[in-house]
ModelCIF file with pLDDT and N, C-alpha, C, O atoms, coordinates in Angstrom:
data_MODEL
#
_entry.id   MODEL 
#
_entity.id                         1 
_entity.type                       polymer 
_entity.pdbx_number_of_molecules   1 
#
_entity_poly.entity_id                      1 
_entity_poly.type                           'polypeptide(L)' 
_entity_poly.nstd_linkage                   no 
_entity_poly.nstd_monomer                   no 
_entity_poly.pdbx_seq_one_letter_code       
;(UNK)(UNK)(UNK)(UNK)(UNK)(UNK)(UNK)(UNK)(UNK)(UNK)(UNK)(UNK)(UNK)(UNK)(UNK)(UNK)
(UNK)(UNK)(UNK)(UNK)(UNK)(UNK)(UNK)(UNK)(UNK)(UNK)(UNK)(UNK)(UNK)(UNK)(UNK)(UNK)
(UNK)(UNK)(UNK)(UNK)(UNK)(UNK)(UNK)
;
_entity_poly.pdbx_seq_one_letter_code_can   XXXXXXXXXXXXXXXXXXXXXXXXXXXXXXXXXXXXXXX 
_entity_poly.pdbx_strand_id                 A 
#
loop_
_entity_poly_seq.entity_id 
_entity_poly_seq.num 
_entity_poly_seq.mon_id 
_entity_poly_seq.hetero 
1 1  UNK n 
1 2  UNK n 
1 3  UNK n 
1 4  UNK n 
1 5  UNK n 
1 6  UNK n 
1 7  UNK n 
1 8  UNK n 
1 9  UNK n 
1 10 UNK n 
1 11 UNK n 
1 12 UNK n 
1 13 UNK n 
1 14 UNK n 
1 15 UNK n 
1 16 UNK n 
1 17 UNK n 
1 18 UNK n 
1 19 UNK n 
1 20 UNK n 
1 21 UNK n 
1 22 UNK n 
1 23 UNK n 
1 24 UNK n 
1 25 UNK n 
1 26 UNK n 
1 27 UNK n 
1 28 UNK n 
1 29 UNK n 
1 30 UNK n 
1 31 UNK n 
1 32 UNK n 
1 33 UNK n 
1 34 UNK n 
1 35 UNK n 
1 36 UNK n 
1 37 UNK n 
1 38 UNK n 
1 39 UNK n 
#
_struct_asym.id          A 
_struct_asym.entity_id   1 
#
loop_
_ma_qa_metric.id 
_ma_qa_metric.mode 
_ma_qa_metric.name 
_ma_qa_metric.software_group_id 
_ma_qa_metric.type 
1 global pLDDT . pLDDT 
2 local  pLDDT . pLDDT 
#
_ma_qa_metric_global.metric_id      1 
_ma_qa_metric_global.metric_value   95.31 
_ma_qa_metric_global.model_id       1 
_ma_qa_metric_global.ordinal_id     1 
#
loop_
_ma_qa_metric_local.label_asym_id 
_ma_qa_metric_local.label_comp_id 
_ma_qa_metric_local.label_seq_id 
_ma_qa_metric_local.metric_id 
_ma_qa_metric_local.metric_value 
_ma_qa_metric_local.model_id 
_ma_qa_metric_local.ordinal_id 
A UNK 1  2 98.00 1 1  
A UNK 2  2 97.00 1 2  
A UNK 3  2 97.00 1 3  
A UNK 4  2 97.00 1 4  
A UNK 5  2 96.00 1 5  
A UNK 6  2 97.00 1 6  
A UNK 7  2 98.00 1 7  
A UNK 8  2 98.00 1 8  
A UNK 9  2 98.00 1 9  
A UNK 10 2 97.00 1 10 
A UNK 11 2 98.00 1 11 
A UNK 12 2 98.00 1 12 
A UNK 13 2 98.00 1 13 
A UNK 14 2 98.00 1 14 
A UNK 15 2 98.00 1 15 
A UNK 16 2 98.00 1 16 
A UNK 17 2 98.00 1 17 
A UNK 18 2 98.00 1 18 
A UNK 19 2 98.00 1 19 
A UNK 20 2 98.00 1 20 
A UNK 21 2 98.00 1 21 
A UNK 22 2 98.00 1 22 
A UNK 23 2 97.00 1 23 
A UNK 24 2 97.00 1 24 
A UNK 25 2 97.00 1 25 
A UNK 26 2 98.00 1 26 
A UNK 27 2 98.00 1 27 
A UNK 28 2 98.00 1 28 
A UNK 29 2 98.00 1 29 
A UNK 30 2 98.00 1 30 
A UNK 31 2 96.00 1 31 
A UNK 32 2 93.00 1 32 
A UNK 33 2 87.00 1 33 
A UNK 34 2 79.00 1 34 
A UNK 35 2 79.00 1 35 
A UNK 36 2 81.00 1 36 
A UNK 37 2 84.00 1 37 
A UNK 38 2 93.00 1 38 
A UNK 39 2 95.00 1 39 
#
loop_
_atom_site.group_PDB 
_atom_site.id 
_atom_site.type_symbol 
_atom_site.label_atom_id 
_atom_site.label_alt_id 
_atom_site.label_comp_id 
_atom_site.label_asym_id 
_atom_site.label_entity_id 
_atom_site.label_seq_id 
_atom_site.pdbx_PDB_ins_code 
_atom_site.Cartn_x 
_atom_site.Cartn_y 
_atom_site.Cartn_z 
_atom_site.occupancy 
_atom_site.B_iso_or_equiv 
_atom_site.pdbx_formal_charge 
_atom_site.auth_seq_id 
_atom_site.auth_comp_id 
_atom_site.auth_asym_id 
_atom_site.auth_atom_id 
_atom_site.pdbx_PDB_model_num 
ATOM 1   N N  . UNK A 1 1  ? -62.981 62.309 -26.796 1.00 98.00 ? 1  UNK A N  1 
ATOM 2   C CA . UNK A 1 1  ? -62.617 63.519 -26.048 1.00 98.00 ? 1  UNK A CA 1 
ATOM 3   C C  . UNK A 1 1  ? -61.218 63.296 -25.312 1.00 98.00 ? 1  UNK A C  1 
ATOM 4   O O  . UNK A 1 1  ? -60.943 62.269 -24.693 1.00 98.00 ? 1  UNK A O  1 
ATOM 5   N N  . UNK A 1 2  ? -60.448 64.297 -25.449 1.00 97.00 ? 2  UNK A N  1 
ATOM 6   C CA . UNK A 1 2  ? -59.052 64.159 -24.779 1.00 97.00 ? 2  UNK A CA 1 
ATOM 7   C C  . UNK A 1 2  ? -59.182 63.868 -23.300 1.00 97.00 ? 2  UNK A C  1 
ATOM 8   O O  . UNK A 1 2  ? -58.419 63.054 -22.780 1.00 97.00 ? 2  UNK A O  1 
ATOM 9   N N  . UNK A 1 3  ? -60.117 64.498 -22.593 1.00 97.00 ? 3  UNK A N  1 
ATOM 10  C CA . UNK A 1 3  ? -60.116 64.251 -21.204 1.00 97.00 ? 3  UNK A CA 1 
ATOM 11  C C  . UNK A 1 3  ? -60.551 62.825 -20.729 1.00 97.00 ? 3  UNK A C  1 
ATOM 12  O O  . UNK A 1 3  ? -60.417 62.479 -19.555 1.00 97.00 ? 3  UNK A O  1 
ATOM 13  N N  . UNK A 1 4  ? -61.051 62.054 -21.647 1.00 97.00 ? 4  UNK A N  1 
ATOM 14  C CA . UNK A 1 4  ? -61.435 60.652 -21.310 1.00 97.00 ? 4  UNK A CA 1 
ATOM 15  C C  . UNK A 1 4  ? -60.528 59.623 -21.940 1.00 97.00 ? 4  UNK A C  1 
ATOM 16  O O  . UNK A 1 4  ? -60.808 58.426 -21.863 1.00 97.00 ? 4  UNK A O  1 
ATOM 17  N N  . UNK A 1 5  ? -59.446 60.059 -22.563 1.00 96.00 ? 5  UNK A N  1 
ATOM 18  C CA . UNK A 1 5  ? -58.656 59.037 -23.260 1.00 96.00 ? 5  UNK A CA 1 
ATOM 19  C C  . UNK A 1 5  ? -57.812 58.116 -22.330 1.00 96.00 ? 5  UNK A C  1 
ATOM 20  O O  . UNK A 1 5  ? -57.278 57.078 -22.721 1.00 96.00 ? 5  UNK A O  1 
ATOM 21  N N  . UNK A 1 6  ? -57.749 58.584 -21.105 1.00 97.00 ? 6  UNK A N  1 
ATOM 22  C CA . UNK A 1 6  ? -56.972 57.673 -20.122 1.00 97.00 ? 6  UNK A CA 1 
ATOM 23  C C  . UNK A 1 6  ? -57.854 56.426 -19.917 1.00 97.00 ? 6  UNK A C  1 
ATOM 24  O O  . UNK A 1 6  ? -57.300 55.398 -19.526 1.00 97.00 ? 6  UNK A O  1 
ATOM 25  N N  . UNK A 1 7  ? -59.143 56.430 -20.141 1.00 98.00 ? 7  UNK A N  1 
ATOM 26  C CA . UNK A 1 7  ? -59.909 55.206 -20.074 1.00 98.00 ? 7  UNK A CA 1 
ATOM 27  C C  . UNK A 1 7  ? -59.747 54.280 -21.168 1.00 98.00 ? 7  UNK A C  1 
ATOM 28  O O  . UNK A 1 7  ? -60.305 53.184 -21.102 1.00 98.00 ? 7  UNK A O  1 
ATOM 29  N N  . UNK A 1 8  ? -58.993 54.619 -22.241 1.00 98.00 ? 8  UNK A N  1 
ATOM 30  C CA . UNK A 1 8  ? -58.753 53.807 -23.341 1.00 98.00 ? 8  UNK A CA 1 
ATOM 31  C C  . UNK A 1 8  ? -59.942 53.355 -24.181 1.00 98.00 ? 8  UNK A C  1 
ATOM 32  O O  . UNK A 1 8  ? -60.000 52.182 -24.549 1.00 98.00 ? 8  UNK A O  1 
ATOM 33  N N  . UNK A 1 9  ? -60.903 54.242 -24.506 1.00 98.00 ? 9  UNK A N  1 
ATOM 34  C CA . UNK A 1 9  ? -62.100 53.848 -25.214 1.00 98.00 ? 9  UNK A CA 1 
ATOM 35  C C  . UNK A 1 9  ? -61.748 53.553 -26.700 1.00 98.00 ? 9  UNK A C  1 
ATOM 36  O O  . UNK A 1 9  ? -62.431 52.739 -27.322 1.00 98.00 ? 9  UNK A O  1 
ATOM 37  N N  . UNK A 1 10 ? -60.723 54.180 -27.273 1.00 97.00 ? 10 UNK A N  1 
ATOM 38  C CA . UNK A 1 10 ? -60.467 53.949 -28.717 1.00 97.00 ? 10 UNK A CA 1 
ATOM 39  C C  . UNK A 1 10 ? -60.090 52.526 -28.952 1.00 97.00 ? 10 UNK A C  1 
ATOM 40  O O  . UNK A 1 10 ? -60.600 51.909 -29.888 1.00 97.00 ? 10 UNK A O  1 
ATOM 41  N N  . UNK A 1 11 ? -59.182 51.946 -28.113 1.00 98.00 ? 11 UNK A N  1 
ATOM 42  C CA . UNK A 1 11 ? -58.816 50.516 -28.330 1.00 98.00 ? 11 UNK A CA 1 
ATOM 43  C C  . UNK A 1 11 ? -59.923 49.581 -28.181 1.00 98.00 ? 11 UNK A C  1 
ATOM 44  O O  . UNK A 1 11 ? -60.019 48.587 -28.901 1.00 98.00 ? 11 UNK A O  1 
ATOM 45  N N  . UNK A 1 12 ? -60.836 49.895 -27.189 1.00 98.00 ? 12 UNK A N  1 
ATOM 46  C CA . UNK A 1 12 ? -61.983 49.064 -27.005 1.00 98.00 ? 12 UNK A CA 1 
ATOM 47  C C  . UNK A 1 12 ? -62.916 49.110 -28.120 1.00 98.00 ? 12 UNK A C  1 
ATOM 48  O O  . UNK A 1 12 ? -63.504 48.074 -28.429 1.00 98.00 ? 12 UNK A O  1 
ATOM 49  N N  . UNK A 1 13 ? -63.132 50.243 -28.792 1.00 98.00 ? 13 UNK A N  1 
ATOM 50  C CA . UNK A 1 13 ? -63.940 50.351 -29.975 1.00 98.00 ? 13 UNK A CA 1 
ATOM 51  C C  . UNK A 1 13 ? -63.407 49.498 -31.089 1.00 98.00 ? 13 UNK A C  1 
ATOM 52  O O  . UNK A 1 13 ? -64.174 48.776 -31.725 1.00 98.00 ? 13 UNK A O  1 
ATOM 53  N N  . UNK A 1 14 ? -62.094 49.555 -31.354 1.00 98.00 ? 14 UNK A N  1 
ATOM 54  C CA . UNK A 1 14 ? -61.570 48.820 -32.430 1.00 98.00 ? 14 UNK A CA 1 
ATOM 55  C C  . UNK A 1 14 ? -61.690 47.241 -32.130 1.00 98.00 ? 14 UNK A C  1 
ATOM 56  O O  . UNK A 1 14 ? -61.989 46.461 -33.034 1.00 98.00 ? 14 UNK A O  1 
ATOM 57  N N  . UNK A 1 15 ? -61.453 46.832 -30.873 1.00 98.00 ? 15 UNK A N  1 
ATOM 58  C CA . UNK A 1 15 ? -61.512 45.431 -30.543 1.00 98.00 ? 15 UNK A CA 1 
ATOM 59  C C  . UNK A 1 15 ? -62.921 44.970 -30.773 1.00 98.00 ? 15 UNK A C  1 
ATOM 60  O O  . UNK A 1 15 ? -63.095 43.877 -31.313 1.00 98.00 ? 15 UNK A O  1 
ATOM 61  N N  . UNK A 1 16 ? -63.983 45.738 -30.397 1.00 98.00 ? 16 UNK A N  1 
ATOM 62  C CA . UNK A 1 16 ? -65.284 45.411 -30.616 1.00 98.00 ? 16 UNK A CA 1 
ATOM 63  C C  . UNK A 1 16 ? -65.624 45.337 -32.118 1.00 98.00 ? 16 UNK A C  1 
ATOM 64  O O  . UNK A 1 16 ? -66.362 44.437 -32.519 1.00 98.00 ? 16 UNK A O  1 
ATOM 65  N N  . UNK A 1 17 ? -65.144 46.195 -32.910 1.00 98.00 ? 17 UNK A N  1 
ATOM 66  C CA . UNK A 1 17 ? -65.328 46.158 -34.375 1.00 98.00 ? 17 UNK A CA 1 
ATOM 67  C C  . UNK A 1 17 ? -64.732 44.985 -35.019 1.00 98.00 ? 17 UNK A C  1 
ATOM 68  O O  . UNK A 1 17 ? -65.320 44.416 -35.938 1.00 98.00 ? 17 UNK A O  1 
ATOM 69  N N  . UNK A 1 18 ? -63.525 44.573 -34.554 1.00 98.00 ? 18 UNK A N  1 
ATOM 70  C CA . UNK A 1 18 ? -62.887 43.391 -35.183 1.00 98.00 ? 18 UNK A CA 1 
ATOM 71  C C  . UNK A 1 18 ? -63.685 42.172 -34.888 1.00 98.00 ? 18 UNK A C  1 
ATOM 72  O O  . UNK A 1 18 ? -63.869 41.345 -35.781 1.00 98.00 ? 18 UNK A O  1 
ATOM 73  N N  . UNK A 1 19 ? -64.187 42.000 -33.659 1.00 98.00 ? 19 UNK A N  1 
ATOM 74  C CA . UNK A 1 19 ? -64.993 40.804 -33.323 1.00 98.00 ? 19 UNK A CA 1 
ATOM 75  C C  . UNK A 1 19 ? -66.327 40.811 -34.032 1.00 98.00 ? 19 UNK A C  1 
ATOM 76  O O  . UNK A 1 19 ? -66.798 39.759 -34.464 1.00 98.00 ? 19 UNK A O  1 
ATOM 77  N N  . UNK A 1 20 ? -66.957 41.984 -34.164 1.00 98.00 ? 20 UNK A N  1 
ATOM 78  C CA . UNK A 1 20 ? -68.285 42.108 -34.900 1.00 98.00 ? 20 UNK A CA 1 
ATOM 79  C C  . UNK A 1 20 ? -68.097 41.754 -36.230 1.00 98.00 ? 20 UNK A C  1 
ATOM 80  O O  . UNK A 1 20 ? -68.901 40.975 -36.742 1.00 98.00 ? 20 UNK A O  1 
ATOM 81  N N  . UNK A 1 21 ? -67.037 42.258 -36.963 1.00 98.00 ? 21 UNK A N  1 
ATOM 82  C CA . UNK A 1 21 ? -66.877 41.954 -38.365 1.00 98.00 ? 21 UNK A CA 1 
ATOM 83  C C  . UNK A 1 21 ? -66.599 40.523 -38.599 1.00 98.00 ? 21 UNK A C  1 
ATOM 84  O O  . UNK A 1 21 ? -67.174 39.911 -39.499 1.00 98.00 ? 21 UNK A O  1 
ATOM 85  N N  . UNK A 1 22 ? -65.682 39.939 -37.768 1.00 98.00 ? 22 UNK A N  1 
ATOM 86  C CA . UNK A 1 22 ? -65.257 38.497 -37.886 1.00 98.00 ? 22 UNK A CA 1 
ATOM 87  C C  . UNK A 1 22 ? -66.559 37.639 -37.752 1.00 98.00 ? 22 UNK A C  1 
ATOM 88  O O  . UNK A 1 22 ? -66.738 36.649 -38.462 1.00 98.00 ? 22 UNK A O  1 
ATOM 89  N N  . UNK A 1 23 ? -67.413 38.037 -36.862 1.00 97.00 ? 23 UNK A N  1 
ATOM 90  C CA . UNK A 1 23 ? -68.590 37.219 -36.553 1.00 97.00 ? 23 UNK A CA 1 
ATOM 91  C C  . UNK A 1 23 ? -69.545 37.209 -37.844 1.00 97.00 ? 23 UNK A C  1 
ATOM 92  O O  . UNK A 1 23 ? -70.392 36.327 -37.985 1.00 97.00 ? 23 UNK A O  1 
ATOM 93  N N  . UNK A 1 24 ? -69.380 38.121 -38.669 1.00 97.00 ? 24 UNK A N  1 
ATOM 94  C CA . UNK A 1 24 ? -70.259 38.218 -39.911 1.00 97.00 ? 24 UNK A CA 1 
ATOM 95  C C  . UNK A 1 24 ? -69.527 37.864 -41.152 1.00 97.00 ? 24 UNK A C  1 
ATOM 96  O O  . UNK A 1 24 ? -69.948 38.264 -42.237 1.00 97.00 ? 24 UNK A O  1 
ATOM 97  N N  . UNK A 1 25 ? -68.453 37.134 -41.058 1.00 97.00 ? 25 UNK A N  1 
ATOM 98  C CA . UNK A 1 25 ? -67.676 36.520 -42.165 1.00 97.00 ? 25 UNK A CA 1 
ATOM 99  C C  . UNK A 1 25 ? -66.807 37.494 -42.809 1.00 97.00 ? 25 UNK A C  1 
ATOM 100 O O  . UNK A 1 25 ? -66.266 37.163 -43.864 1.00 97.00 ? 25 UNK A O  1 
ATOM 101 N N  . UNK A 1 26 ? -66.585 38.715 -42.291 1.00 98.00 ? 26 UNK A N  1 
ATOM 102 C CA . UNK A 1 26 ? -65.665 39.660 -42.876 1.00 98.00 ? 26 UNK A CA 1 
ATOM 103 C C  . UNK A 1 26 ? -64.193 39.120 -42.599 1.00 98.00 ? 26 UNK A C  1 
ATOM 104 O O  . UNK A 1 26 ? -63.871 38.670 -41.500 1.00 98.00 ? 26 UNK A O  1 
ATOM 105 N N  . UNK A 1 27 ? -63.321 39.201 -43.691 1.00 98.00 ? 27 UNK A N  1 
ATOM 106 C CA . UNK A 1 27 ? -62.080 38.516 -43.539 1.00 98.00 ? 27 UNK A CA 1 
ATOM 107 C C  . UNK A 1 27 ? -60.860 39.640 -43.445 1.00 98.00 ? 27 UNK A C  1 
ATOM 108 O O  . UNK A 1 27 ? -59.703 39.278 -43.232 1.00 98.00 ? 27 UNK A O  1 
ATOM 109 N N  . UNK A 1 28 ? -61.176 40.867 -43.601 1.00 98.00 ? 28 UNK A N  1 
ATOM 110 C CA . UNK A 1 28 ? -60.154 41.905 -43.533 1.00 98.00 ? 28 UNK A CA 1 
ATOM 111 C C  . UNK A 1 28 ? -60.643 43.175 -42.880 1.00 98.00 ? 28 UNK A C  1 
ATOM 112 O O  . UNK A 1 28 ? -61.767 43.600 -43.149 1.00 98.00 ? 28 UNK A O  1 
ATOM 113 N N  . UNK A 1 29 ? -59.878 43.772 -42.068 1.00 98.00 ? 29 UNK A N  1 
ATOM 114 C CA . UNK A 1 29 ? -60.135 45.006 -41.419 1.00 98.00 ? 29 UNK A CA 1 
ATOM 115 C C  . UNK A 1 29 ? -59.129 46.074 -42.066 1.00 98.00 ? 29 UNK A C  1 
ATOM 116 O O  . UNK A 1 29 ? -57.927 45.823 -41.994 1.00 98.00 ? 29 UNK A O  1 
ATOM 117 N N  . UNK A 1 30 ? -59.510 47.127 -42.626 1.00 98.00 ? 30 UNK A N  1 
ATOM 118 C CA . UNK A 1 30 ? -58.663 48.048 -43.315 1.00 98.00 ? 30 UNK A CA 1 
ATOM 119 C C  . UNK A 1 30 ? -58.701 49.424 -42.577 1.00 98.00 ? 30 UNK A C  1 
ATOM 120 O O  . UNK A 1 30 ? -59.772 50.013 -42.431 1.00 98.00 ? 30 UNK A O  1 
ATOM 121 N N  . UNK A 1 31 ? -57.582 49.905 -42.137 1.00 96.00 ? 31 UNK A N  1 
ATOM 122 C CA . UNK A 1 31 ? -57.550 51.142 -41.435 1.00 96.00 ? 31 UNK A CA 1 
ATOM 123 C C  . UNK A 1 31 ? -57.591 52.313 -42.364 1.00 96.00 ? 31 UNK A C  1 
ATOM 124 O O  . UNK A 1 31 ? -57.742 53.448 -41.912 1.00 96.00 ? 31 UNK A O  1 
ATOM 125 N N  . UNK A 1 32 ? -57.464 52.083 -43.652 1.00 93.00 ? 32 UNK A N  1 
ATOM 126 C CA . UNK A 1 32 ? -57.399 53.116 -44.657 1.00 93.00 ? 32 UNK A CA 1 
ATOM 127 C C  . UNK A 1 32 ? -56.366 54.167 -44.325 1.00 93.00 ? 32 UNK A C  1 
ATOM 128 O O  . UNK A 1 32 ? -56.661 55.353 -44.178 1.00 93.00 ? 32 UNK A O  1 
ATOM 129 N N  . UNK A 1 33 ? -55.175 53.697 -44.217 1.00 87.00 ? 33 UNK A N  1 
ATOM 130 C CA . UNK A 1 33 ? -53.984 54.525 -43.903 1.00 87.00 ? 33 UNK A CA 1 
ATOM 131 C C  . UNK A 1 33 ? -52.991 53.785 -43.143 1.00 87.00 ? 33 UNK A C  1 
ATOM 132 O O  . UNK A 1 33 ? -53.289 52.798 -42.470 1.00 87.00 ? 33 UNK A O  1 
ATOM 133 N N  . UNK A 1 34 ? -51.786 54.263 -43.244 1.00 79.00 ? 34 UNK A N  1 
ATOM 134 C CA . UNK A 1 34 ? -50.650 53.542 -42.637 1.00 79.00 ? 34 UNK A CA 1 
ATOM 135 C C  . UNK A 1 34 ? -50.025 54.252 -41.458 1.00 79.00 ? 34 UNK A C  1 
ATOM 136 O O  . UNK A 1 34 ? -48.818 54.077 -41.292 1.00 79.00 ? 34 UNK A O  1 
ATOM 137 N N  . UNK A 1 35 ? -50.677 55.021 -40.625 1.00 79.00 ? 35 UNK A N  1 
ATOM 138 C CA . UNK A 1 35 ? -50.082 55.753 -39.524 1.00 79.00 ? 35 UNK A CA 1 
ATOM 139 C C  . UNK A 1 35 ? -49.503 54.692 -38.569 1.00 79.00 ? 35 UNK A C  1 
ATOM 140 O O  . UNK A 1 35 ? -50.023 53.589 -38.399 1.00 79.00 ? 35 UNK A O  1 
ATOM 141 N N  . UNK A 1 36 ? -48.394 55.114 -37.968 1.00 81.00 ? 36 UNK A N  1 
ATOM 142 C CA . UNK A 1 36 ? -47.526 54.168 -37.104 1.00 81.00 ? 36 UNK A CA 1 
ATOM 143 C C  . UNK A 1 36 ? -48.421 53.605 -35.890 1.00 81.00 ? 36 UNK A C  1 
ATOM 144 O O  . UNK A 1 36 ? -48.281 52.456 -35.471 1.00 81.00 ? 36 UNK A O  1 
ATOM 145 N N  . UNK A 1 37 ? -49.305 54.469 -35.390 1.00 84.00 ? 37 UNK A N  1 
ATOM 146 C CA . UNK A 1 37 ? -50.017 54.072 -34.179 1.00 84.00 ? 37 UNK A CA 1 
ATOM 147 C C  . UNK A 1 37 ? -50.925 52.863 -34.387 1.00 84.00 ? 37 UNK A C  1 
ATOM 148 O O  . UNK A 1 37 ? -51.320 52.191 -33.435 1.00 84.00 ? 37 UNK A O  1 
ATOM 149 N N  . UNK A 1 38 ? -51.260 52.592 -35.708 1.00 93.00 ? 38 UNK A N  1 
ATOM 150 C CA . UNK A 1 38 ? -52.148 51.433 -35.958 1.00 93.00 ? 38 UNK A CA 1 
ATOM 151 C C  . UNK A 1 38 ? -51.410 50.101 -35.827 1.00 93.00 ? 38 UNK A C  1 
ATOM 152 O O  . UNK A 1 38 ? -52.043 49.058 -35.663 1.00 93.00 ? 38 UNK A O  1 
ATOM 153 N N  . UNK A 1 39 ? -50.086 50.127 -35.898 1.00 95.00 ? 39 UNK A N  1 
ATOM 154 C CA . UNK A 1 39 ? -49.316 48.937 -35.825 1.00 95.00 ? 39 UNK A CA 1 
ATOM 155 C C  . UNK A 1 39 ? -49.552 48.131 -34.553 1.00 95.00 ? 39 UNK A C  1 
ATOM 156 O O  . UNK A 1 39 ? -48.943 47.076 -34.369 1.00 95.00 ? 39 UNK A O  1 
#
C-alpha cells in the first residue's frame, strides 16, 4: 500500500526472502526482470 511505503516493507520482504532461500541451499535469486530499482 502506498500509504505505508515510508515504513520500507518491500526491502524487508526481499531481505527475508534472500536469507530464507540461502538457508535452504538456493544459490540464486532471480527478480525476473531488469528494472533499474532492483540494482
